[in-house]
N, C-alpha and C. Protein backbone atom coordinates (compact mmCIF):
# COMPACT_ATOMS: atom_id res chain seq x y z
N MET A 1 0.85 -1.18 0.00
CA MET A 1 0.00 0.00 0.00
C MET A 1 0.89 1.23 0.00
N SER A 2 0.60 2.18 -0.81
CA SER A 2 1.45 3.36 -0.95
C SER A 2 0.98 4.49 -0.03
N ALA A 3 1.78 5.54 0.02
CA ALA A 3 1.43 6.71 0.83
C ALA A 3 0.13 7.34 0.33
N GLU A 4 -0.08 7.27 -1.00
CA GLU A 4 -1.32 7.80 -1.56
C GLU A 4 -2.51 6.97 -1.08
N SER A 5 -2.28 5.70 -0.90
CA SER A 5 -3.34 4.84 -0.36
C SER A 5 -3.65 5.20 1.08
N ALA A 6 -2.62 5.55 1.84
CA ALA A 6 -2.84 5.98 3.22
C ALA A 6 -3.69 7.24 3.25
N GLN A 7 -3.45 8.15 2.31
CA GLN A 7 -4.26 9.36 2.21
C GLN A 7 -5.71 9.00 1.87
N ALA A 8 -5.90 8.07 0.97
CA ALA A 8 -7.25 7.64 0.59
C ALA A 8 -7.96 6.97 1.76
N VAL A 9 -7.22 6.18 2.53
CA VAL A 9 -7.80 5.53 3.72
C VAL A 9 -8.25 6.58 4.72
N CYS A 10 -7.42 7.57 4.95
CA CYS A 10 -7.75 8.65 5.88
C CYS A 10 -9.02 9.36 5.44
N GLU A 11 -9.06 9.72 4.17
CA GLU A 11 -10.23 10.43 3.65
C GLU A 11 -11.49 9.58 3.77
N TYR A 12 -11.39 8.31 3.45
CA TYR A 12 -12.55 7.41 3.52
C TYR A 12 -13.07 7.30 4.95
N VAL A 13 -12.17 7.06 5.90
CA VAL A 13 -12.59 6.88 7.30
C VAL A 13 -13.25 8.14 7.83
N VAL A 14 -12.66 9.29 7.57
CA VAL A 14 -13.21 10.55 8.09
C VAL A 14 -14.57 10.83 7.44
N LYS A 15 -14.70 10.59 6.14
CA LYS A 15 -15.97 10.85 5.46
C LYS A 15 -17.10 9.99 6.02
N GLN A 16 -16.78 8.80 6.50
CA GLN A 16 -17.80 7.92 7.05
C GLN A 16 -18.32 8.41 8.41
N MET A 17 -17.56 9.28 9.07
CA MET A 17 -17.90 9.70 10.42
C MET A 17 -18.66 11.02 10.50
N VAL A 18 -18.58 11.85 9.49
CA VAL A 18 -19.10 13.21 9.57
C VAL A 18 -20.49 13.34 8.96
N ASP A 19 -21.16 14.45 9.31
CA ASP A 19 -22.47 14.73 8.74
C ASP A 19 -22.39 15.27 7.32
N ASN A 20 -21.28 15.98 7.01
CA ASN A 20 -21.11 16.59 5.70
C ASN A 20 -19.84 16.04 5.03
N PRO A 21 -19.91 14.87 4.40
CA PRO A 21 -18.71 14.28 3.82
C PRO A 21 -18.12 15.08 2.66
N ASP A 22 -18.92 15.91 2.01
CA ASP A 22 -18.40 16.72 0.91
C ASP A 22 -17.44 17.80 1.38
N ALA A 23 -17.49 18.16 2.66
CA ALA A 23 -16.62 19.20 3.20
C ALA A 23 -15.27 18.66 3.67
N VAL A 24 -15.10 17.34 3.65
CA VAL A 24 -13.84 16.74 4.11
C VAL A 24 -12.75 16.98 3.08
N CYS A 25 -11.60 17.44 3.56
CA CYS A 25 -10.45 17.66 2.68
C CYS A 25 -9.20 17.12 3.39
N VAL A 26 -8.46 16.29 2.69
CA VAL A 26 -7.21 15.75 3.22
C VAL A 26 -6.09 16.19 2.28
N GLU A 27 -5.23 17.07 2.78
CA GLU A 27 -4.12 17.59 1.99
C GLU A 27 -2.83 16.93 2.46
N ALA A 28 -2.05 16.46 1.50
CA ALA A 28 -0.80 15.77 1.82
C ALA A 28 0.39 16.66 1.49
N SER A 29 1.40 16.58 2.33
CA SER A 29 2.68 17.25 2.07
C SER A 29 3.78 16.36 2.62
N ARG A 30 4.95 16.43 2.00
CA ARG A 30 6.09 15.61 2.43
C ARG A 30 7.23 16.50 2.90
N TYR A 31 7.90 16.05 3.94
CA TYR A 31 9.13 16.70 4.38
C TYR A 31 9.96 15.69 5.16
N ASP A 32 11.24 15.62 4.87
CA ASP A 32 12.17 14.71 5.56
C ASP A 32 11.67 13.27 5.61
N GLY A 33 11.07 12.78 4.55
CA GLY A 33 10.60 11.40 4.51
C GLY A 33 9.32 11.14 5.27
N THR A 34 8.70 12.18 5.77
CA THR A 34 7.44 12.04 6.51
C THR A 34 6.30 12.59 5.67
N LEU A 35 5.23 11.85 5.62
CA LEU A 35 4.03 12.30 4.93
C LEU A 35 3.12 12.92 5.99
N ARG A 36 2.73 14.16 5.78
CA ARG A 36 1.83 14.85 6.71
C ARG A 36 0.48 15.02 6.03
N LEU A 37 -0.56 14.55 6.69
CA LEU A 37 -1.92 14.68 6.19
C LEU A 37 -2.66 15.69 7.06
N ASP A 38 -3.08 16.79 6.46
CA ASP A 38 -3.87 17.80 7.15
C ASP A 38 -5.33 17.57 6.81
N VAL A 39 -6.12 17.28 7.83
CA VAL A 39 -7.53 16.95 7.64
C VAL A 39 -8.40 18.12 8.08
N THR A 40 -9.26 18.60 7.19
CA THR A 40 -10.25 19.61 7.55
C THR A 40 -11.63 19.03 7.29
N VAL A 41 -12.56 19.42 8.15
CA VAL A 41 -13.94 18.94 8.03
C VAL A 41 -14.89 20.14 8.10
N GLY A 42 -16.14 19.90 7.81
CA GLY A 42 -17.14 20.96 7.84
C GLY A 42 -17.43 21.44 9.26
N GLU A 43 -18.11 22.55 9.33
CA GLU A 43 -18.46 23.15 10.61
C GLU A 43 -19.30 22.18 11.43
N GLY A 44 -18.92 22.00 12.68
CA GLY A 44 -19.66 21.14 13.59
C GLY A 44 -19.24 19.68 13.57
N ASP A 45 -18.35 19.30 12.66
CA ASP A 45 -17.94 17.90 12.57
C ASP A 45 -16.61 17.62 13.27
N MET A 46 -15.87 18.64 13.65
CA MET A 46 -14.56 18.42 14.25
C MET A 46 -14.65 17.63 15.55
N GLY A 47 -15.63 17.91 16.38
CA GLY A 47 -15.80 17.18 17.63
C GLY A 47 -16.06 15.71 17.41
N ARG A 48 -16.79 15.40 16.38
CA ARG A 48 -17.10 14.02 16.04
C ARG A 48 -15.83 13.28 15.61
N VAL A 49 -14.94 13.97 14.90
CA VAL A 49 -13.71 13.35 14.40
C VAL A 49 -12.66 13.23 15.51
N ILE A 50 -12.61 14.20 16.41
CA ILE A 50 -11.65 14.15 17.51
C ILE A 50 -12.09 13.14 18.57
N GLY A 51 -13.36 13.16 18.90
CA GLY A 51 -13.87 12.22 19.89
C GLY A 51 -13.57 12.63 21.31
N ARG A 52 -14.11 11.88 22.22
CA ARG A 52 -13.90 12.15 23.64
C ARG A 52 -12.47 11.85 24.01
N ARG A 53 -11.80 12.84 24.57
CA ARG A 53 -10.40 12.74 24.98
C ARG A 53 -9.47 12.37 23.83
N GLY A 54 -9.90 12.64 22.60
CA GLY A 54 -9.06 12.39 21.44
C GLY A 54 -8.95 10.93 21.02
N ARG A 55 -9.83 10.11 21.54
CA ARG A 55 -9.73 8.67 21.25
C ARG A 55 -10.03 8.34 19.80
N VAL A 56 -10.99 9.00 19.21
CA VAL A 56 -11.31 8.74 17.80
C VAL A 56 -10.16 9.21 16.92
N ALA A 57 -9.63 10.38 17.20
CA ALA A 57 -8.50 10.90 16.43
C ALA A 57 -7.31 9.95 16.54
N GLY A 58 -7.07 9.43 17.71
CA GLY A 58 -5.98 8.48 17.91
C GLY A 58 -6.19 7.21 17.10
N ALA A 59 -7.42 6.74 17.05
CA ALA A 59 -7.73 5.55 16.28
C ALA A 59 -7.53 5.80 14.78
N ILE A 60 -7.95 6.97 14.32
CA ILE A 60 -7.75 7.33 12.90
C ILE A 60 -6.26 7.35 12.59
N ARG A 61 -5.48 7.96 13.46
CA ARG A 61 -4.02 8.02 13.24
C ARG A 61 -3.42 6.62 13.17
N THR A 62 -3.86 5.73 14.04
CA THR A 62 -3.34 4.37 14.06
C THR A 62 -3.65 3.64 12.75
N VAL A 63 -4.87 3.75 12.26
CA VAL A 63 -5.27 3.08 11.03
C VAL A 63 -4.49 3.63 9.84
N VAL A 64 -4.34 4.95 9.78
CA VAL A 64 -3.64 5.57 8.65
C VAL A 64 -2.15 5.23 8.69
N ARG A 65 -1.55 5.22 9.86
CA ARG A 65 -0.14 4.82 9.97
C ARG A 65 0.05 3.38 9.52
N ALA A 66 -0.89 2.52 9.87
CA ALA A 66 -0.82 1.12 9.45
C ALA A 66 -0.92 1.01 7.93
N ALA A 67 -1.70 1.86 7.31
CA ALA A 67 -1.84 1.84 5.86
C ALA A 67 -0.54 2.20 5.17
N GLY A 68 0.28 3.03 5.77
CA GLY A 68 1.56 3.43 5.19
C GLY A 68 2.74 2.63 5.69
N TYR A 69 2.51 1.70 6.58
CA TYR A 69 3.58 0.94 7.21
C TYR A 69 4.36 0.08 6.23
N GLU A 70 3.67 -0.60 5.32
CA GLU A 70 4.34 -1.51 4.39
C GLU A 70 5.38 -0.81 3.54
N GLU A 71 5.11 0.43 3.17
CA GLU A 71 6.04 1.18 2.34
C GLU A 71 7.17 1.78 3.15
N GLY A 72 7.04 1.75 4.45
CA GLY A 72 8.07 2.32 5.31
C GLY A 72 7.96 3.83 5.44
N THR A 73 6.79 4.37 5.15
CA THR A 73 6.57 5.80 5.21
C THR A 73 6.08 6.19 6.59
N SER A 74 6.70 7.20 7.16
CA SER A 74 6.24 7.75 8.43
C SER A 74 5.11 8.74 8.12
N ILE A 75 4.00 8.61 8.82
CA ILE A 75 2.83 9.42 8.53
C ILE A 75 2.37 10.15 9.79
N GLU A 76 2.11 11.44 9.63
CA GLU A 76 1.50 12.25 10.68
C GLU A 76 0.13 12.69 10.20
N VAL A 77 -0.86 12.62 11.08
CA VAL A 77 -2.21 13.10 10.74
C VAL A 77 -2.54 14.24 11.69
N GLU A 78 -2.84 15.40 11.11
CA GLU A 78 -3.20 16.58 11.90
C GLU A 78 -4.61 16.99 11.52
N PHE A 79 -5.39 17.31 12.54
CA PHE A 79 -6.76 17.77 12.32
C PHE A 79 -6.77 19.28 12.45
N VAL A 80 -7.04 19.96 11.34
CA VAL A 80 -6.96 21.41 11.25
C VAL A 80 -8.34 22.00 11.44
N ASP A 81 -8.44 22.94 12.36
CA ASP A 81 -9.73 23.57 12.66
C ASP A 81 -9.96 24.78 11.78
């Protein structure tokens, strides 16, 4: 699975959780061998994506990192408000 696949996995998972999936945007950037995914969602959906005590966000990060693991790519997922 490639880094682009990890981005697609992130986008798919987040879109399944929010009320307005059309507002979800996942932007990728690379620096020093790390892929950074900046996730933005529609108004009112950020709490749903972050979850109580950040547990949902942590789970999303774990799944996306696993998607990029085979390629050896380090992945960071940031939720942008």
